[in-house]
Amino acid sequence: MTLREDTFRRPDGSDGVYGVVDKPDYALVVALDGDRLAMVEQYRYPLGLRRWEFPQGTAPDRAEMPPQDLAARELREETGLTAATWTYLGLLDVAPGLSSQRGRAFLATDLTEGRPEREDTEADMRFAWVTRTEFEKRIRAGEITDAQTLAAYALLLLHSP
């Protein structure tokens, strides 16, 4: 991650400064097994809280990877799941007024369970299946608040017949 300040000229001719956080692009996975969604819970340091989210992440050491390969890696790493069928759901801009980071959301189906291969920073991560009804209940209760997870679920709803 890098932080930069860009100076620029506004359309009215005045000068301005814009702070930008540059982070690598990420992949997010909505793993769906019937009516169940795969969720992970982990501690999010900036919030000082544990949060439930869809599996998501960036490639190690800022490596470049095709988005679907990254999605498969993140799913396997965080949950142990592998998917036979992948569907691209859409593009997510994390915080376009602050960051250049973008994410690609994928639907993973035809799942096979295995052992997670978590990084050291994910050692306290938990994995659970949550029904769609329970997922929506947790959103209403303010228990699922990750913006990328919520946006990816909206993409899933738009994709579903």
C-alpha atoms as a PDB file:
ATOM      1  CA  MET A   1       0.000   0.000   0.000  1.00  0.00           C
ATOM      2  CA  THR A   2       1.181   3.491  -0.752  1.00  0.00           C
ATOM      3  CA  LEU A   3      -0.218   6.863   0.167  1.00  0.00           C
ATOM      4  CA  ARG A   4       0.310   9.827  -2.103  1.00  0.00           C
ATOM      5  CA  GLU A   5      -0.804  13.436  -2.401  1.00  0.00           C
ATOM      6  CA  ASP A   6      -1.459  14.679  -5.911  1.00  0.00           C
ATOM      7  CA  THR A   7      -1.670  18.347  -6.764  1.00  0.00           C
ATOM      8  CA  PHE A   8      -4.066  19.186  -9.562  1.00  0.00           C
ATOM      9  CA  ARG A   9      -5.899  22.044 -11.195  1.00  0.00           C
ATOM     10  CA  ARG A  10      -9.682  22.188 -10.803  1.00  0.00           C
ATOM     11  CA  PRO A  11     -11.937  23.106 -13.738  1.00  0.00           C
ATOM     12  CA  ASP A  12     -12.281  26.623 -12.262  1.00  0.00           C
ATOM     13  CA  GLY A  13      -8.492  27.049 -12.424  1.00  0.00           C
ATOM     14  CA  SER A  14      -7.797  26.793  -8.687  1.00  0.00           C
ATOM     15  CA  ASP A  15      -5.193  24.381  -7.339  1.00  0.00           C
ATOM     16  CA  GLY A  16      -6.095  21.409  -5.198  1.00  0.00           C
ATOM     17  CA  VAL A  17      -4.529  18.486  -3.345  1.00  0.00           C
ATOM     18  CA  TYR A  18      -5.941  14.973  -3.381  1.00  0.00           C
ATOM     19  CA  GLY A  19      -4.854  12.178  -1.030  1.00  0.00           C
ATOM     20  CA  VAL A  20      -4.908   8.728  -2.652  1.00  0.00           C
ATOM     21  CA  VAL A  21      -4.362   5.273  -1.167  1.00  0.00           C
ATOM     22  CA  ASP A  22      -2.977   2.893  -3.793  1.00  0.00           C
ATOM     23  CA  LYS A  23      -3.557  -0.785  -3.051  1.00  0.00           C
ATOM     24  CA  PRO A  24      -3.449  -3.816  -5.332  1.00  0.00           C
ATOM     25  CA  ASP A  25      -6.682  -5.049  -6.865  1.00  0.00           C
ATOM     26  CA  TYR A  26      -8.444  -7.896  -5.106  1.00  0.00           C
ATOM     27  CA  ALA A  27     -10.853 -10.733  -5.784  1.00  0.00           C
ATOM     28  CA  LEU A  28     -13.945 -11.569  -3.736  1.00  0.00           C
ATOM     29  CA  VAL A  29     -15.812 -14.875  -3.778  1.00  0.00           C
ATOM     30  CA  VAL A  30     -19.475 -15.537  -3.164  1.00  0.00           C
ATOM     31  CA  ALA A  31     -19.321 -19.300  -2.603  1.00  0.00           C
ATOM     32  CA  LEU A  32     -22.845 -20.665  -2.835  1.00  0.00           C
ATOM     33  CA  ASP A  33     -23.902 -24.210  -1.937  1.00  0.00           C
ATOM     34  CA  GLY A  34     -27.655 -24.488  -2.388  1.00  0.00           C
ATOM     35  CA  ASP A  35     -29.000 -21.869   0.034  1.00  0.00           C
ATOM     36  CA  ARG A  36     -25.743 -21.549   1.999  1.00  0.00           C
ATOM     37  CA  LEU A  37     -23.100 -18.833   1.662  1.00  0.00           C
ATOM     38  CA  ALA A  38     -19.480 -19.334   2.735  1.00  0.00           C
ATOM     39  CA  MET A  39     -18.402 -16.628   5.181  1.00  0.00           C
ATOM     40  CA  VAL A  40     -15.179 -15.895   7.033  1.00  0.00           C
ATOM     41  CA  GLU A  41     -14.751 -13.912  10.224  1.00  0.00           C
ATOM     42  CA  GLN A  42     -11.556 -12.129  11.124  1.00  0.00           C
ATOM     43  CA  TYR A  43     -10.224  -9.288  13.215  1.00  0.00           C
ATOM     44  CA  ARG A  44     -10.076  -6.001  11.307  1.00  0.00           C
ATOM     45  CA  TYR A  45      -7.435  -3.871  12.988  1.00  0.00           C
ATOM     46  CA  PRO A  46      -8.602  -0.415  11.756  1.00  0.00           C
ATOM     47  CA  LEU A  47     -12.044  -1.076  13.286  1.00  0.00           C
ATOM     48  CA  GLY A  48     -10.805  -2.949  16.343  1.00  0.00           C
ATOM     49  CA  LEU A  49     -13.548  -5.517  15.654  1.00  0.00           C
ATOM     50  CA  ARG A  50     -14.100  -8.983  14.252  1.00  0.00           C
ATOM     51  CA  ARG A  51     -16.154  -8.868  11.027  1.00  0.00           C
ATOM     52  CA  TRP A  52     -17.953 -11.478   8.904  1.00  0.00           C
ATOM     53  CA  GLU A  53     -17.210 -11.166   5.173  1.00  0.00           C
ATOM     54  CA  PHE A  54     -17.072 -13.103   1.951  1.00  0.00           C
ATOM     55  CA  PRO A  55     -13.606 -14.548   1.254  1.00  0.00           C
ATOM     56  CA  GLN A  56     -11.497 -11.890  -0.452  1.00  0.00           C
ATOM     57  CA  GLY A  57      -7.950 -10.708  -0.823  1.00  0.00           C
ATOM     58  CA  THR A  58      -5.001  -9.623  -2.912  1.00  0.00           C
ATOM     59  CA  ALA A  59      -2.150 -11.640  -4.372  1.00  0.00           C
ATOM     60  CA  PRO A  60       0.908 -12.072  -2.125  1.00  0.00           C
ATOM     61  CA  ASP A  61       3.810  -9.652  -2.520  1.00  0.00           C
ATOM     62  CA  ARG A  62       1.819  -7.481  -4.959  1.00  0.00           C
ATOM     63  CA  ALA A  63       2.010 -10.251  -7.568  1.00  0.00           C
ATOM     64  CA  GLU A  64      -0.120  -9.933 -10.701  1.00  0.00           C
ATOM     65  CA  MET A  65      -2.663 -12.732 -11.138  1.00  0.00           C
ATOM     66  CA  PRO A  66      -5.685 -13.165 -13.380  1.00  0.00           C
ATOM     67  CA  PRO A  67      -8.721 -12.218 -11.238  1.00  0.00           C
ATOM     68  CA  GLN A  68     -10.379 -15.657 -11.394  1.00  0.00           C
ATOM     69  CA  ASP A  69      -7.117 -17.368 -10.399  1.00  0.00           C
ATOM     70  CA  LEU A  70      -6.836 -14.965  -7.476  1.00  0.00           C
ATOM     71  CA  ALA A  71     -10.446 -15.692  -6.496  1.00  0.00           C
ATOM     72  CA  ALA A  72      -9.786 -19.451  -6.533  1.00  0.00           C
ATOM     73  CA  ARG A  73      -6.638 -18.927  -4.449  1.00  0.00           C
ATOM     74  CA  GLU A  74      -8.451 -16.811  -1.853  1.00  0.00           C
ATOM     75  CA  LEU A  75     -11.349 -19.262  -1.577  1.00  0.00           C
ATOM     76  CA  ARG A  76      -9.026 -22.250  -1.087  1.00  0.00           C
ATOM     77  CA  GLU A  77      -6.731 -20.342   1.283  1.00  0.00           C
ATOM     78  CA  GLU A  78      -9.441 -18.941   3.558  1.00  0.00           C
ATOM     79  CA  THR A  79     -12.050 -21.738   3.520  1.00  0.00           C
ATOM     80  CA  GLY A  80     -10.462 -24.863   2.028  1.00  0.00           C
ATOM     81  CA  LEU A  81     -13.165 -24.873  -0.665  1.00  0.00           C
ATOM     82  CA  THR A  82     -12.541 -25.391  -4.364  1.00  0.00           C
ATOM     83  CA  ALA A  83     -15.113 -24.677  -7.054  1.00  0.00           C
ATOM     84  CA  ALA A  84     -15.760 -26.409 -10.363  1.00  0.00           C
ATOM     85  CA  THR A  85     -17.910 -23.558 -11.706  1.00  0.00           C
ATOM     86  CA  TRP A  86     -17.012 -19.857 -11.700  1.00  0.00           C
ATOM     87  CA  THR A  87     -19.205 -16.959 -12.783  1.00  0.00           C
ATOM     88  CA  TYR A  88     -18.027 -13.361 -12.943  1.00  0.00           C
ATOM     89  CA  LEU A  89     -20.463 -11.135 -11.045  1.00  0.00           C
ATOM     90  CA  GLY A  90     -18.933  -7.699 -11.499  1.00  0.00           C
ATOM     91  CA  LEU A  91     -16.453  -4.966 -10.678  1.00  0.00           C
ATOM     92  CA  LEU A  92     -16.331  -3.240  -7.291  1.00  0.00           C
ATOM     93  CA  ASP A  93     -14.603   0.067  -6.528  1.00  0.00           C
ATOM     94  CA  VAL A  94     -13.670  -0.020  -2.855  1.00  0.00           C
ATOM     95  CA  ALA A  95     -13.664   3.699  -2.066  1.00  0.00           C
ATOM     96  CA  PRO A  96     -13.232   5.669  -5.312  1.00  0.00           C
ATOM     97  CA  GLY A  97     -12.999   8.985  -3.486  1.00  0.00           C
ATOM     98  CA  LEU A  98     -10.005   7.711  -1.512  1.00  0.00           C
ATOM     99  CA  SER A  99      -8.431   4.629  -3.098  1.00  0.00           C
ATOM    100  CA  SER A 100      -7.447   3.304  -6.515  1.00  0.00           C
ATOM    101  CA  GLN A 101      -8.175  -0.279  -5.401  1.00  0.00           C
ATOM    102  CA  ARG A 102     -10.716  -2.264  -7.410  1.00  0.00           C
ATOM    103  CA  GLY A 103     -12.131  -5.718  -6.907  1.00  0.00           C
ATOM    104  CA  ARG A 104     -13.706  -8.392  -9.030  1.00  0.00           C
ATOM    105  CA  ALA A 105     -16.526 -10.450  -7.540  1.00  0.00           C
ATOM    106  CA  PHE A 106     -17.102 -14.058  -8.546  1.00  0.00           C
ATOM    107  CA  LEU A 107     -19.757 -16.642  -7.842  1.00  0.00           C
ATOM    108  CA  ALA A 108     -18.267 -20.056  -7.001  1.00  0.00           C
ATOM    109  CA  THR A 109     -20.481 -23.154  -7.196  1.00  0.00           C
ATOM    110  CA  ASP A 110     -20.092 -26.934  -7.452  1.00  0.00           C
ATOM    111  CA  LEU A 111     -17.922 -26.808  -4.352  1.00  0.00           C
ATOM    112  CA  THR A 112     -15.599 -29.382  -2.816  1.00  0.00           C
ATOM    113  CA  GLU A 113     -14.447 -29.087   0.790  1.00  0.00           C
ATOM    114  CA  GLY A 114     -10.813 -29.275   1.875  1.00  0.00           C
ATOM    115  CA  ARG A 115      -8.437 -27.788   4.428  1.00  0.00           C
ATOM    116  CA  PRO A 116      -7.808 -24.024   4.535  1.00  0.00           C
ATOM    117  CA  GLU A 117      -4.268 -22.843   3.695  1.00  0.00           C
ATOM    118  CA  ARG A 118      -4.322 -19.564   5.620  1.00  0.00           C
ATOM    119  CA  GLU A 119      -1.520 -17.043   5.818  1.00  0.00           C
ATOM    120  CA  ASP A 120      -0.039 -16.221   9.236  1.00  0.00           C
ATOM    121  CA  THR A 121      -2.113 -13.021   9.379  1.00  0.00           C
ATOM    122  CA  GLU A 122      -5.276 -15.138   8.979  1.00  0.00           C
ATOM    123  CA  ALA A 123      -4.525 -17.588  11.791  1.00  0.00           C
ATOM    124  CA  ASP A 124      -7.525 -16.434  13.849  1.00  0.00           C
ATOM    125  CA  MET A 125      -9.929 -16.558  10.878  1.00  0.00           C
ATOM    126  CA  ARG A 126     -13.129 -18.573  11.243  1.00  0.00           C
ATOM    127  CA  PHE A 127     -15.168 -20.147   8.437  1.00  0.00           C
ATOM    128  CA  ALA A 128     -18.909 -20.846   8.552  1.00  0.00           C
ATOM    129  CA  TRP A 129     -21.822 -21.589   6.270  1.00  0.00           C
ATOM    130  CA  VAL A 130     -24.694 -19.110   6.581  1.00  0.00           C
ATOM    131  CA  THR A 131     -28.097 -19.466   4.929  1.00  0.00           C
ATOM    132  CA  ARG A 132     -29.249 -16.578   2.776  1.00  0.00           C
ATOM    133  CA  THR A 133     -32.046 -15.888   5.270  1.00  0.00           C
ATOM    134  CA  GLU A 134     -29.527 -15.730   8.139  1.00  0.00           C
ATOM    135  CA  PHE A 135     -27.174 -13.589   6.038  1.00  0.00           C
ATOM    136  CA  GLU A 136     -29.901 -11.019   5.376  1.00  0.00           C
ATOM    137  CA  LYS A 137     -30.927 -11.104   9.046  1.00  0.00           C
ATOM    138  CA  ARG A 138     -27.326 -10.321  10.048  1.00  0.00           C
ATOM    139  CA  ILE A 139     -27.207  -7.422   7.582  1.00  0.00           C
ATOM    140  CA  ARG A 140     -30.375  -5.938   9.090  1.00  0.00           C
ATOM    141  CA  ALA A 141     -28.923  -6.374  12.593  1.00  0.00           C
ATOM    142  CA  GLY A 142     -25.713  -4.551  11.612  1.00  0.00           C
ATOM    143  CA  GLU A 143     -23.593  -7.667  12.091  1.00  0.00           C
ATOM    144  CA  ILE A 144     -22.430  -7.848   8.461  1.00  0.00           C
ATOM    145  CA  THR A 145     -21.177  -4.414   7.427  1.00  0.00           C
ATOM    146  CA  ASP A 146     -18.291  -5.035   5.021  1.00  0.00           C
ATOM    147  CA  ALA A 147     -19.117  -2.853   2.013  1.00  0.00           C
ATOM    148  CA  GLN A 148     -17.542  -5.236  -0.499  1.00  0.00           C
ATOM    149  CA  THR A 149     -19.533  -8.163   0.894  1.00  0.00           C
ATOM    150  CA  LEU A 150     -22.769  -6.188   0.738  1.00  0.00           C
ATOM    151  CA  ALA A 151     -22.066  -4.991  -2.807  1.00  0.00           C
ATOM    152  CA  ALA A 152     -21.172  -8.518  -3.960  1.00  0.00           C
ATOM    153  CA  TYR A 153     -24.415  -9.828  -2.496  1.00  0.00           C
ATOM    154  CA  ALA A 154     -26.296  -7.183  -4.479  1.00  0.00           C
ATOM    155  CA  LEU A 155     -24.491  -8.406  -7.615  1.00  0.00           C
ATOM    156  CA  LEU A 156     -25.539 -11.963  -6.733  1.00  0.00           C
ATOM    157  CA  LEU A 157     -29.174 -10.860  -6.376  1.00  0.00           C
ATOM    158  CA  LEU A 158     -29.006  -9.169  -9.788  1.00  0.00           C
ATOM    159  CA  HIS A 159     -27.480 -12.309 -11.302  1.00  0.00           C
ATOM    160  CA  SER A 160     -29.993 -14.738  -9.804  1.00  0.00           C
ATOM    161  CA  PRO A 161     -33.183 -15.400 -11.751  1.00  0.00           C
END
